[in-house]
């Protein structure tokens, strides 16, 4: 079934490309300090890793 708005495969690929850096940074927070909070410096990276600009 095709979308009237474009190729969904291309959209998924673009989404993966755009979101991967943000996801990778956030996943790293989970293993940085097992059983404890992530450092403030580490928390700053994901906050700035995603932009709404194209």
Protein backbone atom coordinates (compact mmCIF):
# COMPACT_ATOMS: atom_id res chain seq x y z
CA UNK A 1 0.00 0.00 0.00
CA UNK A 2 1.60 3.28 -0.99
CA UNK A 3 1.21 6.61 0.74
CA UNK A 4 -0.16 9.62 -1.13
CA UNK A 5 2.57 11.69 0.56
CA UNK A 6 5.67 9.87 -0.68
CA UNK A 7 7.90 6.89 -0.20
CA UNK A 8 7.63 5.57 3.37
CA UNK A 9 10.91 3.65 3.00
CA UNK A 10 12.77 6.87 2.28
CA UNK A 11 11.03 8.50 5.24
CA UNK A 12 12.10 5.70 7.61
CA UNK A 13 15.66 5.92 6.34
CA UNK A 14 15.72 9.69 6.84
CA UNK A 15 14.20 9.31 10.32
CA UNK A 16 16.89 6.79 11.29
CA UNK A 17 19.62 9.06 9.94
CA UNK A 18 18.24 12.08 11.79
CA UNK A 19 17.51 10.37 15.12
CA UNK A 20 20.50 8.02 15.44
CA UNK A 21 22.90 10.54 17.09
CA UNK A 22 20.25 11.53 19.65
CA UNK A 23 19.36 7.92 20.43
CA UNK A 24 23.01 6.87 20.72
CA UNK A 25 23.77 9.64 23.22
CA UNK A 26 20.73 8.77 25.32
CA UNK A 27 21.47 5.05 25.29
CA UNK A 28 25.00 5.79 26.52
CA UNK A 29 23.54 7.54 29.58
CA UNK A 30 22.05 4.24 30.74
CA UNK A 31 25.47 2.58 31.00
CA UNK A 32 27.59 5.55 32.09
CA UNK A 33 27.05 5.15 35.83
CA UNK A 34 25.10 1.93 36.54
CA UNK A 35 22.90 2.38 39.59
CA UNK A 36 23.44 6.13 39.68
CA UNK A 37 22.61 9.28 37.78
CA UNK A 38 24.39 10.46 34.67
CA UNK A 39 26.70 13.44 35.00
CA UNK A 40 25.43 16.93 34.22
CA UNK A 41 27.89 17.16 31.32
CA UNK A 42 26.55 13.95 29.82
CA UNK A 43 22.97 15.15 30.16
CA UNK A 44 23.81 18.32 28.25
CA UNK A 45 24.85 16.40 25.11
CA UNK A 46 21.47 14.78 24.30
CA UNK A 47 19.65 18.03 25.05
CA UNK A 48 21.63 19.66 22.26
CA UNK A 49 21.86 16.71 19.88
CA UNK A 50 18.51 17.21 18.20
CA UNK A 51 17.42 20.24 16.27
CA UNK A 52 14.04 20.96 14.73
CA UNK A 53 15.77 22.62 11.80
CA UNK A 54 16.05 20.61 8.61
